[in-house]
C-alpha atoms as a PDB file:
ATOM      1  CA  UNK A   1       5.086  -3.950 -19.982  1.00  0.00           C
ATOM      2  CA  UNK A   2       5.092  -7.314 -18.300  1.00  0.00           C
ATOM      3  CA  UNK A   3       7.876  -9.871 -18.116  1.00  0.00           C
ATOM      4  CA  UNK A   4       5.583 -12.779 -17.294  1.00  0.00           C
ATOM      5  CA  UNK A   5       5.197 -15.471 -19.961  1.00  0.00           C
ATOM      6  CA  UNK A   6       1.968 -14.961 -21.933  1.00  0.00           C
ATOM      7  CA  UNK A   7       0.548 -18.233 -20.660  1.00  0.00           C
ATOM      8  CA  UNK A   8       1.003 -17.126 -17.026  1.00  0.00           C
ATOM      9  CA  UNK A   9      -0.562 -13.742 -17.707  1.00  0.00           C
ATOM     10  CA  UNK A  10      -3.433 -15.513 -19.430  1.00  0.00           C
ATOM     11  CA  UNK A  11      -3.968 -17.728 -16.403  1.00  0.00           C
ATOM     12  CA  UNK A  12      -3.992 -14.672 -14.138  1.00  0.00           C
ATOM     13  CA  UNK A  13      -6.631 -12.998 -16.261  1.00  0.00           C
ATOM     14  CA  UNK A  14      -8.688 -16.193 -16.410  1.00  0.00           C
ATOM     15  CA  UNK A  15      -8.938 -16.223 -12.604  1.00  0.00           C
ATOM     16  CA  UNK A  16     -11.024 -13.060 -12.720  1.00  0.00           C
ATOM     17  CA  UNK A  17     -10.832  -9.402 -11.745  1.00  0.00           C
ATOM     18  CA  UNK A  18     -12.182  -9.729  -8.211  1.00  0.00           C
ATOM     19  CA  UNK A  19     -10.776 -10.477  -4.784  1.00  0.00           C
ATOM     20  CA  UNK A  20     -12.856 -13.420  -3.578  1.00  0.00           C
ATOM     21  CA  UNK A  21     -11.286 -16.174  -1.447  1.00  0.00           C
ATOM     22  CA  UNK A  22     -11.459 -18.432  -4.495  1.00  0.00           C
ATOM     23  CA  UNK A  23      -9.542 -15.901  -6.600  1.00  0.00           C
ATOM     24  CA  UNK A  24      -6.984 -15.392  -3.841  1.00  0.00           C
ATOM     25  CA  UNK A  25      -6.487 -19.156  -3.673  1.00  0.00           C
ATOM     26  CA  UNK A  26      -6.155 -19.565  -7.416  1.00  0.00           C
ATOM     27  CA  UNK A  27      -3.602 -16.767  -7.735  1.00  0.00           C
ATOM     28  CA  UNK A  28      -1.649 -18.069  -4.756  1.00  0.00           C
ATOM     29  CA  UNK A  29      -1.469 -21.514  -6.359  1.00  0.00           C
ATOM     30  CA  UNK A  30      -0.268 -19.933  -9.591  1.00  0.00           C
ATOM     31  CA  UNK A  31       2.154 -17.270  -8.352  1.00  0.00           C
ATOM     32  CA  UNK A  32       3.541 -18.553  -5.055  1.00  0.00           C
ATOM     33  CA  UNK A  33       5.798 -21.127  -6.778  1.00  0.00           C
ATOM     34  CA  UNK A  34       7.307 -18.355  -8.903  1.00  0.00           C
ATOM     35  CA  UNK A  35       8.157 -16.392  -5.764  1.00  0.00           C
ATOM     36  CA  UNK A  36       9.541 -19.525  -4.106  1.00  0.00           C
ATOM     37  CA  UNK A  37      11.751 -20.203  -7.115  1.00  0.00           C
ATOM     38  CA  UNK A  38      13.121 -16.679  -7.176  1.00  0.00           C
ATOM     39  CA  UNK A  39      13.384 -16.278  -3.402  1.00  0.00           C
ATOM     40  CA  UNK A  40      11.205 -13.604  -1.870  1.00  0.00           C
ATOM     41  CA  UNK A  41      12.243 -13.289   1.781  1.00  0.00           C
ATOM     42  CA  UNK A  42      14.550 -10.569   3.017  1.00  0.00           C
ATOM     43  CA  UNK A  43      17.730 -11.885   4.661  1.00  0.00           C
ATOM     44  CA  UNK A  44      16.374 -10.829   8.064  1.00  0.00           C
ATOM     45  CA  UNK A  45      12.796 -10.397   9.250  1.00  0.00           C
ATOM     46  CA  UNK A  46      12.013  -9.290  12.788  1.00  0.00           C
ATOM     47  CA  UNK A  47       8.368 -10.069  13.427  1.00  0.00           C
ATOM     48  CA  UNK A  48       5.478  -8.940  15.585  1.00  0.00           C
ATOM     49  CA  UNK A  49       6.932  -5.755  17.000  1.00  0.00           C
ATOM     50  CA  UNK A  50       4.145  -3.839  18.787  1.00  0.00           C
ATOM     51  CA  UNK A  51       3.395  -0.280  17.692  1.00  0.00           C
ATOM     52  CA  UNK A  52       0.291   0.133  19.851  1.00  0.00           C
ATOM     53  CA  UNK A  53      -1.930  -1.503  22.440  1.00  0.00           C
ATOM     54  CA  UNK A  54      -4.229  -3.619  20.252  1.00  0.00           C
ATOM     55  CA  UNK A  55      -3.249  -7.231  19.450  1.00  0.00           C
ATOM     56  CA  UNK A  56      -3.185  -6.290  15.760  1.00  0.00           C
ATOM     57  CA  UNK A  57      -0.912  -3.302  16.318  1.00  0.00           C
ATOM     58  CA  UNK A  58       2.138  -5.156  15.006  1.00  0.00           C
ATOM     59  CA  UNK A  59       4.846  -4.598  12.420  1.00  0.00           C
ATOM     60  CA  UNK A  60       7.431  -6.817  10.749  1.00  0.00           C
ATOM     61  CA  UNK A  61      10.757  -5.224   9.780  1.00  0.00           C
ATOM     62  CA  UNK A  62      12.604  -6.589   6.731  1.00  0.00           C
ATOM     63  CA  UNK A  63      16.313  -5.825   6.436  1.00  0.00           C
ATOM     64  CA  UNK A  64      19.518  -6.994   4.766  1.00  0.00           C
ATOM     65  CA  UNK A  65      22.053  -9.086   6.673  1.00  0.00           C
ATOM     66  CA  UNK A  66      23.850  -5.938   7.753  1.00  0.00           C
ATOM     67  CA  UNK A  67      22.909  -2.254   7.463  1.00  0.00           C
ATOM     68  CA  UNK A  68      24.315  -0.244   4.586  1.00  0.00           C
ATOM     69  CA  UNK A  69      26.863   2.457   5.262  1.00  0.00           C
ATOM     70  CA  UNK A  70      24.135   5.068   4.800  1.00  0.00           C
ATOM     71  CA  UNK A  71      20.665   4.824   6.326  1.00  0.00           C
ATOM     72  CA  UNK A  72      18.226   3.467   3.747  1.00  0.00           C
ATOM     73  CA  UNK A  73      14.824   4.693   2.586  1.00  0.00           C
ATOM     74  CA  UNK A  74      11.920   2.921   4.281  1.00  0.00           C
ATOM     75  CA  UNK A  75       8.856   1.395   2.587  1.00  0.00           C
ATOM     76  CA  UNK A  76       5.974   1.062   5.057  1.00  0.00           C
ATOM     77  CA  UNK A  77       3.345  -1.256   3.545  1.00  0.00           C
ATOM     78  CA  UNK A  78      -0.353  -1.402   4.479  1.00  0.00           C
ATOM     79  CA  UNK A  79      -2.078  -4.586   3.282  1.00  0.00           C
ATOM     80  CA  UNK A  80      -5.529  -4.976   1.772  1.00  0.00           C
ATOM     81  CA  UNK A  81      -8.398  -7.251   2.695  1.00  0.00           C
ATOM     82  CA  UNK A  82     -11.530  -5.146   2.434  1.00  0.00           C
ATOM     83  CA  UNK A  83     -11.034  -3.800   5.974  1.00  0.00           C
ATOM     84  CA  UNK A  84     -12.399  -7.089   7.358  1.00  0.00           C
ATOM     85  CA  UNK A  85      -9.469  -9.474   6.752  1.00  0.00           C
ATOM     86  CA  UNK A  86      -5.810  -9.654   5.801  1.00  0.00           C
ATOM     87  CA  UNK A  87      -2.535  -9.360   7.663  1.00  0.00           C
ATOM     88  CA  UNK A  88       1.044  -8.193   7.296  1.00  0.00           C
ATOM     89  CA  UNK A  89       2.007 -11.767   6.403  1.00  0.00           C
ATOM     90  CA  UNK A  90      -0.083 -14.796   5.490  1.00  0.00           C
ATOM     91  CA  UNK A  91       1.127 -18.248   6.637  1.00  0.00           C
ATOM     92  CA  UNK A  92       2.219 -20.669   3.927  1.00  0.00           C
ATOM     93  CA  UNK A  93       2.174 -17.955   1.241  1.00  0.00           C
ATOM     94  CA  UNK A  94       4.589 -15.231   0.116  1.00  0.00           C
ATOM     95  CA  UNK A  95       1.966 -12.587   1.002  1.00  0.00           C
ATOM     96  CA  UNK A  96       3.100 -10.021   2.102  1.00  0.00           C
ATOM     97  CA  UNK A  97       6.624 -10.935   3.049  1.00  0.00           C
ATOM     98  CA  UNK A  98       7.409 -10.551  -0.632  1.00  0.00           C
ATOM     99  CA  UNK A  99       6.899  -6.782  -0.308  1.00  0.00           C
ATOM    100  CA  UNK A 100       9.547  -6.543   2.402  1.00  0.00           C
ATOM    101  CA  UNK A 101      11.897  -8.752   0.413  1.00  0.00           C
ATOM    102  CA  UNK A 102      11.389  -6.616  -2.683  1.00  0.00           C
ATOM    103  CA  UNK A 103      12.115  -3.470  -0.668  1.00  0.00           C
ATOM    104  CA  UNK A 104      15.390  -4.853   0.667  1.00  0.00           C
ATOM    105  CA  UNK A 105      16.524  -5.993  -2.794  1.00  0.00           C
ATOM    106  CA  UNK A 106      15.958  -2.426  -3.972  1.00  0.00           C
ATOM    107  CA  UNK A 107      18.036  -0.743  -1.295  1.00  0.00           C
ATOM    108  CA  UNK A 108      15.286  -0.058   1.239  1.00  0.00           C
ATOM    109  CA  UNK A 109      14.193  -1.251   4.644  1.00  0.00           C
ATOM    110  CA  UNK A 110      10.716  -2.806   4.537  1.00  0.00           C
ATOM    111  CA  UNK A 111       8.086  -2.449   7.252  1.00  0.00           C
ATOM    112  CA  UNK A 112       4.788  -4.346   6.996  1.00  0.00           C
ATOM    113  CA  UNK A 113       1.979  -3.371   9.375  1.00  0.00           C
ATOM    114  CA  UNK A 114      -1.267  -4.981  10.461  1.00  0.00           C
ATOM    115  CA  UNK A 115      -4.230  -2.941  11.715  1.00  0.00           C
ATOM    116  CA  UNK A 116      -7.586  -3.282  13.443  1.00  0.00           C
ATOM    117  CA  UNK A 117     -10.404  -4.724  11.371  1.00  0.00           C
ATOM    118  CA  UNK A 118     -14.032  -3.842  10.692  1.00  0.00           C
ATOM    119  CA  UNK A 119     -16.815  -4.073  11.621  1.00  0.00           C
ATOM    120  CA  UNK A 120     -15.520  -3.952  15.186  1.00  0.00           C
ATOM    121  CA  UNK A 121     -13.302  -1.019  14.251  1.00  0.00           C
ATOM    122  CA  UNK A 122     -14.687   1.470  11.754  1.00  0.00           C
ATOM    123  CA  UNK A 123     -13.547   4.749  10.191  1.00  0.00           C
ATOM    124  CA  UNK A 124     -11.208   6.411  11.113  1.00  0.00           C
ATOM    125  CA  UNK A 125      -9.498   3.465  12.855  1.00  0.00           C
ATOM    126  CA  UNK A 126      -7.442   2.657   9.740  1.00  0.00           C
ATOM    127  CA  UNK A 127      -5.963   6.149   9.558  1.00  0.00           C
ATOM    128  CA  UNK A 128      -5.326   6.135  13.302  1.00  0.00           C
ATOM    129  CA  UNK A 129      -3.453   2.851  13.054  1.00  0.00           C
ATOM    130  CA  UNK A 130      -1.383   4.059  10.103  1.00  0.00           C
ATOM    131  CA  UNK A 131      -0.513   7.169  12.123  1.00  0.00           C
ATOM    132  CA  UNK A 132       0.644   5.037  15.040  1.00  0.00           C
ATOM    133  CA  UNK A 133       2.701   2.778  12.775  1.00  0.00           C
ATOM    134  CA  UNK A 134       4.340   5.771  11.083  1.00  0.00           C
ATOM    135  CA  UNK A 135       5.165   7.218  14.512  1.00  0.00           C
ATOM    136  CA  UNK A 136       6.675   3.895  15.615  1.00  0.00           C
ATOM    137  CA  UNK A 137       8.708   3.685  12.423  1.00  0.00           C
ATOM    138  CA  UNK A 138      10.055   7.203  12.781  1.00  0.00           C
ATOM    139  CA  UNK A 139      11.075   6.483  16.367  1.00  0.00           C
ATOM    140  CA  UNK A 140      12.628   3.048  15.885  1.00  0.00           C
ATOM    141  CA  UNK A 141      13.660   2.413  12.295  1.00  0.00           C
ATOM    142  CA  UNK A 142      17.185   3.795  12.687  1.00  0.00           C
ATOM    143  CA  UNK A 143      17.951   0.711  14.793  1.00  0.00           C
ATOM    144  CA  UNK A 144      17.322  -1.386  11.678  1.00  0.00           C
ATOM    145  CA  UNK A 145      19.323   0.748   9.251  1.00  0.00           C
ATOM    146  CA  UNK A 146      16.408   2.839   8.011  1.00  0.00           C
ATOM    147  CA  UNK A 147      16.230   6.609   7.723  1.00  0.00           C
ATOM    148  CA  UNK A 148      13.295   8.036   9.736  1.00  0.00           C
ATOM    149  CA  UNK A 149      13.250  11.094   7.471  1.00  0.00           C
ATOM    150  CA  UNK A 150      12.828   9.005   4.305  1.00  0.00           C
ATOM    151  CA  UNK A 151       9.677   6.963   4.918  1.00  0.00           C
ATOM    152  CA  UNK A 152       7.413   6.185   1.964  1.00  0.00           C
ATOM    153  CA  UNK A 153       3.953   4.906   2.887  1.00  0.00           C
ATOM    154  CA  UNK A 154       2.371   2.396   0.499  1.00  0.00           C
ATOM    155  CA  UNK A 155      -1.125   0.932   0.668  1.00  0.00           C
ATOM    156  CA  UNK A 156      -2.978  -1.518  -1.554  1.00  0.00           C
ATOM    157  CA  UNK A 157      -6.778  -1.765  -1.719  1.00  0.00           C
ATOM    158  CA  UNK A 158      -8.151  -1.236   1.821  1.00  0.00           C
ATOM    159  CA  UNK A 159      -4.576  -0.415   2.808  1.00  0.00           C
ATOM    160  CA  UNK A 160      -4.561   2.376   0.226  1.00  0.00           C
ATOM    161  CA  UNK A 161      -7.848   3.637   1.651  1.00  0.00           C
ATOM    162  CA  UNK A 162      -6.326   3.752   5.134  1.00  0.00           C
ATOM    163  CA  UNK A 163      -3.138   5.388   3.880  1.00  0.00           C
ATOM    164  CA  UNK A 164      -5.152   8.001   1.956  1.00  0.00           C
ATOM    165  CA  UNK A 165      -7.260   8.730   5.027  1.00  0.00           C
ATOM    166  CA  UNK A 166      -4.082   9.266   7.041  1.00  0.00           C
ATOM    167  CA  UNK A 167      -2.672  11.589   4.378  1.00  0.00           C
ATOM    168  CA  UNK A 168      -5.961  13.493   4.484  1.00  0.00           C
ATOM    169  CA  UNK A 169      -5.553  14.135   8.215  1.00  0.00           C
ATOM    170  CA  UNK A 170      -7.984  11.594   9.667  1.00  0.00           C
ATOM    171  CA  UNK A 171      -5.325   9.969  11.845  1.00  0.00           C
ATOM    172  CA  UNK A 172      -4.000  13.149  13.399  1.00  0.00           C
ATOM    173  CA  UNK A 173      -0.732  14.963  12.780  1.00  0.00           C
ATOM    174  CA  UNK A 174       2.419  13.541  11.243  1.00  0.00           C
ATOM    175  CA  UNK A 175       1.608  12.778   7.611  1.00  0.00           C
ATOM    176  CA  UNK A 176       3.612  15.781   6.397  1.00  0.00           C
ATOM    177  CA  UNK A 177       6.746  14.077   7.715  1.00  0.00           C
ATOM    178  CA  UNK A 178       6.509  11.369   5.047  1.00  0.00           C
ATOM    179  CA  UNK A 179       8.899  11.459   2.101  1.00  0.00           C
ATOM    180  CA  UNK A 180       6.163  10.107  -0.152  1.00  0.00           C
ATOM    181  CA  UNK A 181       3.117   7.888  -0.480  1.00  0.00           C
ATOM    182  CA  UNK A 182       1.851   5.253  -2.908  1.00  0.00           C
ATOM    183  CA  UNK A 183      -1.904   4.649  -3.239  1.00  0.00           C
ATOM    184  CA  UNK A 184      -2.670   1.522  -5.232  1.00  0.00           C
ATOM    185  CA  UNK A 185      -6.335   0.718  -5.948  1.00  0.00           C
ATOM    186  CA  UNK A 186      -8.029   2.360  -2.986  1.00  0.00           C
ATOM    187  CA  UNK A 187     -11.453   3.789  -2.174  1.00  0.00           C
ATOM    188  CA  UNK A 188     -11.007   7.500  -1.480  1.00  0.00           C
ATOM    189  CA  UNK A 189     -14.566   8.823  -1.417  1.00  0.00           C
ATOM    190  CA  UNK A 190     -17.229   6.593   0.174  1.00  0.00           C
ATOM    191  CA  UNK A 191     -19.944   8.927  -1.133  1.00  0.00           C
ATOM    192  CA  UNK A 192     -19.293   7.793  -4.695  1.00  0.00           C
ATOM    193  CA  UNK A 193     -18.122   4.234  -3.983  1.00  0.00           C
ATOM    194  CA  UNK A 194     -20.202   1.247  -4.966  1.00  0.00           C
ATOM    195  CA  UNK A 195     -22.422   0.258  -2.008  1.00  0.00           C
ATOM    196  CA  UNK A 196     -21.450  -3.163  -0.663  1.00  0.00           C
ATOM    197  CA  UNK A 197     -20.687  -5.061   2.530  1.00  0.00           C
ATOM    198  CA  UNK A 198     -17.108  -3.813   2.682  1.00  0.00           C
ATOM    199  CA  UNK A 199     -18.182  -0.175   2.503  1.00  0.00           C
ATOM    200  CA  UNK A 200     -20.767  -0.468   5.272  1.00  0.00           C
ATOM    201  CA  UNK A 201     -18.528  -2.666   7.414  1.00  0.00           C
ATOM    202  CA  UNK A 202     -15.886   0.060   7.622  1.00  0.00           C
ATOM    203  CA  UNK A 203     -17.705   3.305   6.890  1.00  0.00           C
ATOM    204  CA  UNK A 204     -20.971   2.384   8.600  1.00  0.00           C
ATOM    205  CA  UNK A 205     -24.500   2.184   7.256  1.00  0.00           C
ATOM    206  CA  UNK A 206     -25.316   5.889   7.646  1.00  0.00           C
ATOM    207  CA  UNK A 207     -24.470   7.324   4.226  1.00  0.00           C
ATOM    208  CA  UNK A 208     -25.088  10.842   5.513  1.00  0.00           C
ATOM    209  CA  UNK A 209     -21.705  10.595   7.262  1.00  0.00           C
ATOM    210  CA  UNK A 210     -19.770   9.619   4.155  1.00  0.00           C
ATOM    211  CA  UNK A 211     -19.009  13.184   3.084  1.00  0.00           C
ATOM    212  CA  UNK A 212     -16.973  13.840   6.217  1.00  0.00           C
ATOM    213  CA  UNK A 213     -15.187  10.510   5.699  1.00  0.00           C
ATOM    214  CA  UNK A 214     -13.978  11.354   2.200  1.00  0.00           C
ATOM    215  CA  UNK A 215     -10.202  11.562   1.903  1.00  0.00           C
ATOM    216  CA  UNK A 216     -10.362  13.547  -1.339  1.00  0.00           C
ATOM    217  CA  UNK A 217     -10.402  17.103   0.117  1.00  0.00           C
ATOM    218  CA  UNK A 218      -7.441  16.308   2.344  1.00  0.00           C
ATOM    219  CA  UNK A 219      -5.531  14.561  -0.437  1.00  0.00           C
ATOM    220  CA  UNK A 220      -5.992  17.603  -2.663  1.00  0.00           C
ATOM    221  CA  UNK A 221      -4.373  19.758   0.022  1.00  0.00           C
ATOM    222  CA  UNK A 222      -1.625  17.295   0.947  1.00  0.00           C
ATOM    223  CA  UNK A 223       1.930  18.298   0.059  1.00  0.00           C
ATOM    224  CA  UNK A 224       3.255  14.731   0.320  1.00  0.00           C
ATOM    225  CA  UNK A 225       4.509  13.490  -3.089  1.00  0.00           C
ATOM    226  CA  UNK A 226       2.073  10.761  -4.081  1.00  0.00           C
ATOM    227  CA  UNK A 227       2.010   8.037  -6.721  1.00  0.00           C
ATOM    228  CA  UNK A 228      -1.504   6.825  -7.591  1.00  0.00           C
ATOM    229  CA  UNK A 229      -2.147   3.578  -9.437  1.00  0.00           C
ATOM    230  CA  UNK A 230      -4.653   0.947 -10.516  1.00  0.00           C
ATOM    231  CA  UNK A 231      -4.462  -2.353 -12.349  1.00  0.00           C
ATOM    232  CA  UNK A 232      -5.450  -2.355 -16.007  1.00  0.00           C
ATOM    233  CA  UNK A 233      -8.018  -5.079 -15.225  1.00  0.00           C
ATOM    234  CA  UNK A 234      -8.925  -3.764 -11.800  1.00  0.00           C
ATOM    235  CA  UNK A 235     -12.394  -3.910 -10.281  1.00  0.00           C
ATOM    236  CA  UNK A 236     -14.188  -1.037 -12.070  1.00  0.00           C
ATOM    237  CA  UNK A 237     -14.992   0.872  -8.875  1.00  0.00           C
ATOM    238  CA  UNK A 238     -11.280   1.332  -8.210  1.00  0.00           C
ATOM    239  CA  UNK A 239     -10.887   2.852 -11.678  1.00  0.00           C
ATOM    240  CA  UNK A 240     -13.737   5.261 -10.961  1.00  0.00           C
ATOM    241  CA  UNK A 241     -12.244   6.224  -7.599  1.00  0.00           C
ATOM    242  CA  UNK A 242      -8.833   6.925  -9.136  1.00  0.00           C
ATOM    243  CA  UNK A 243     -10.321   8.999 -11.938  1.00  0.00           C
ATOM    244  CA  UNK A 244     -12.403  11.019  -9.477  1.00  0.00           C
ATOM    245  CA  UNK A 245      -9.389  11.676  -7.262  1.00  0.00           C
ATOM    246  CA  UNK A 246      -7.225  12.725 -10.203  1.00  0.00           C
ATOM    247  CA  UNK A 247     -10.000  14.975 -11.510  1.00  0.00           C
ATOM    248  CA  UNK A 248     -10.272  16.713  -8.119  1.00  0.00           C
ATOM    249  CA  UNK A 249      -6.503  17.184  -7.973  1.00  0.00           C
ATOM    250  CA  UNK A 250      -6.451  18.555 -11.508  1.00  0.00           C
ATOM    251  CA  UNK A 251      -9.221  21.027 -10.732  1.00  0.00           C
ATOM    252  CA  UNK A 252      -7.448  22.270  -7.592  1.00  0.00           C
ATOM    253  CA  UNK A 253      -3.801  22.126  -8.711  1.00  0.00           C
ATOM    254  CA  UNK A 254      -3.834  22.272 -12.483  1.00  0.00           C
ATOM    255  CA  UNK A 255      -1.854  19.020 -12.614  1.00  0.00           C
ATOM    256  CA  UNK A 256      -2.331  15.406 -11.574  1.00  0.00           C
ATOM    257  CA  UNK A 257       0.166  13.465  -9.442  1.00  0.00           C
ATOM    258  CA  UNK A 258       2.252  10.652 -10.910  1.00  0.00           C
ATOM    259  CA  UNK A 259      -0.111   7.907 -12.073  1.00  0.00           C
ATOM    260  CA  UNK A 260       0.467   4.323 -13.219  1.00  0.00           C
ATOM    261  CA  UNK A 261      -1.729   1.653 -14.752  1.00  0.00           C
ATOM    262  CA  UNK A 262      -0.328  -1.815 -14.061  1.00  0.00           C
ATOM    263  CA  UNK A 263      -0.606  -3.453 -17.496  1.00  0.00           C
ATOM    264  CA  UNK A 264      -2.228  -6.846 -17.887  1.00  0.00           C
ATOM    265  CA  UNK A 265      -2.940  -7.294 -14.203  1.00  0.00           C
ATOM    266  CA  UNK A 266      -5.948  -7.521 -11.925  1.00  0.00           C
ATOM    267  CA  UNK A 267      -6.766  -6.079  -8.514  1.00  0.00           C
ATOM    268  CA  UNK A 268      -4.924  -8.878  -6.718  1.00  0.00           C
ATOM    269  CA  UNK A 269      -2.193  -9.759  -9.179  1.00  0.00           C
ATOM    270  CA  UNK A 270      -0.872  -6.180  -9.400  1.00  0.00           C
ATOM    271  CA  UNK A 271       0.478  -6.551  -5.866  1.00  0.00           C
ATOM    272  CA  UNK A 272       1.117 -10.303  -5.875  1.00  0.00           C
ATOM    273  CA  UNK A 273       3.570 -10.081  -8.788  1.00  0.00           C
ATOM    274  CA  UNK A 274       5.863  -7.514  -7.187  1.00  0.00           C
ATOM    275  CA  UNK A 275       9.284  -9.108  -7.388  1.00  0.00           C
ATOM    276  CA  UNK A 276       8.531 -11.501 -10.255  1.00  0.00           C
ATOM    277  CA  UNK A 277       7.150  -9.005 -12.788  1.00  0.00           C
ATOM    278  CA  UNK A 278       8.808  -5.732 -11.862  1.00  0.00           C
ATOM    279  CA  UNK A 279       8.392  -4.187 -15.307  1.00  0.00           C
ATOM    280  CA  UNK A 280       4.637  -4.052 -14.728  1.00  0.00           C
ATOM    281  CA  UNK A 281       4.847  -1.936 -11.566  1.00  0.00           C
ATOM    282  CA  UNK A 282       7.988  -2.589  -9.537  1.00  0.00           C
ATOM    283  CA  UNK A 283      10.262  -0.459 -11.700  1.00  0.00           C
ATOM    284  CA  UNK A 284       7.891   2.509 -11.413  1.00  0.00           C
ATOM    285  CA  UNK A 285       7.629   1.966  -7.661  1.00  0.00           C
ATOM    286  CA  UNK A 286      11.392   1.784  -7.158  1.00  0.00           C
ATOM    287  CA  UNK A 287      11.985   4.935  -9.198  1.00  0.00           C
ATOM    288  CA  UNK A 288       9.338   6.814  -7.248  1.00  0.00           C
ATOM    289  CA  UNK A 289      10.596   5.723  -3.815  1.00  0.00           C
ATOM    290  CA  UNK A 290      14.209   6.569  -4.570  1.00  0.00           C
ATOM    291  CA  UNK A 291      13.257   9.857  -6.198  1.00  0.00           C
ATOM    292  CA  UNK A 292      11.164  11.204  -3.330  1.00  0.00           C
ATOM    293  CA  UNK A 293      13.493   9.821  -0.660  1.00  0.00           C
ATOM    294  CA  UNK A 294      16.692  11.139  -2.202  1.00  0.00           C
ATOM    295  CA  UNK A 295      18.692  13.212   0.247  1.00  0.00           C
ATOM    296  CA  UNK A 296      17.710  16.838  -0.269  1.00  0.00           C
ATOM    297  CA  UNK A 297      14.760  15.970  -2.520  1.00  0.00           C
ATOM    298  CA  UNK A 298      12.410  18.286  -0.644  1.00  0.00           C
ATOM    299  CA  UNK A 299      14.791  20.982   0.506  1.00  0.00           C
ATOM    300  CA  UNK A 300      13.632  24.499  -0.202  1.00  0.00           C
ATOM    301  CA  UNK A 301      15.438  26.156  -3.151  1.00  0.00           C
END
């Protein structure tokens, strides 16, 4: 379902299914006022906390005015941008402060991370940076009212690719400590992805190396509860990647993980509307986070 008025949803779909600067600008012009009207910022945001040595190794922590009596689940968000652009927050827009605000309104602590960009930094730099941000969060989040044992990692687009690569083991140890993960419209297997500038910028031009860069074998083996999703009107390659991943998981496990299709939305709008159209994806996301981060959710029987 979607709670957006039909005319707004129609305008979103008229913008197009891609992620060009023009489409980003058009959707920002359309959706930012709706976020402004509702109020998207968390009560407190502590910005630019370093989690590593690179200038882009920074996180923002989004919290309520005062911590809850019990430590809260943590949503660690990895932004998109085709590996070559994007940031944890974009000046003069709600992006992606609205993710942290949404997390706080739903009883979580939000952490938004930035990471090194291609082509200067190629695979597996994204997984390495996610690993470092997860380690920082586990070490420090209790100071902000978050529970280090209840971290859910969420990535969108290139952020989902980096999160998947981390889950697959490309960033080193530590992924098994996550309470859960959300992969929204990522590229998981560069071997079968559509060749384009973004792919070669991050994965390199030597396609013979793409097999070792695939996150699919590691994701199949991962024991971290994972929610996979795409937009109904996503870029077709993201549909193909999701189907391929689910097929591999089905073949290996006999079941697929939780899967959502964000109805009526496009590659960009599926994440931009979080907080103003929660019935399209936010409700599913909140249920998943609270389910996998419930105290005792993963205790052995």
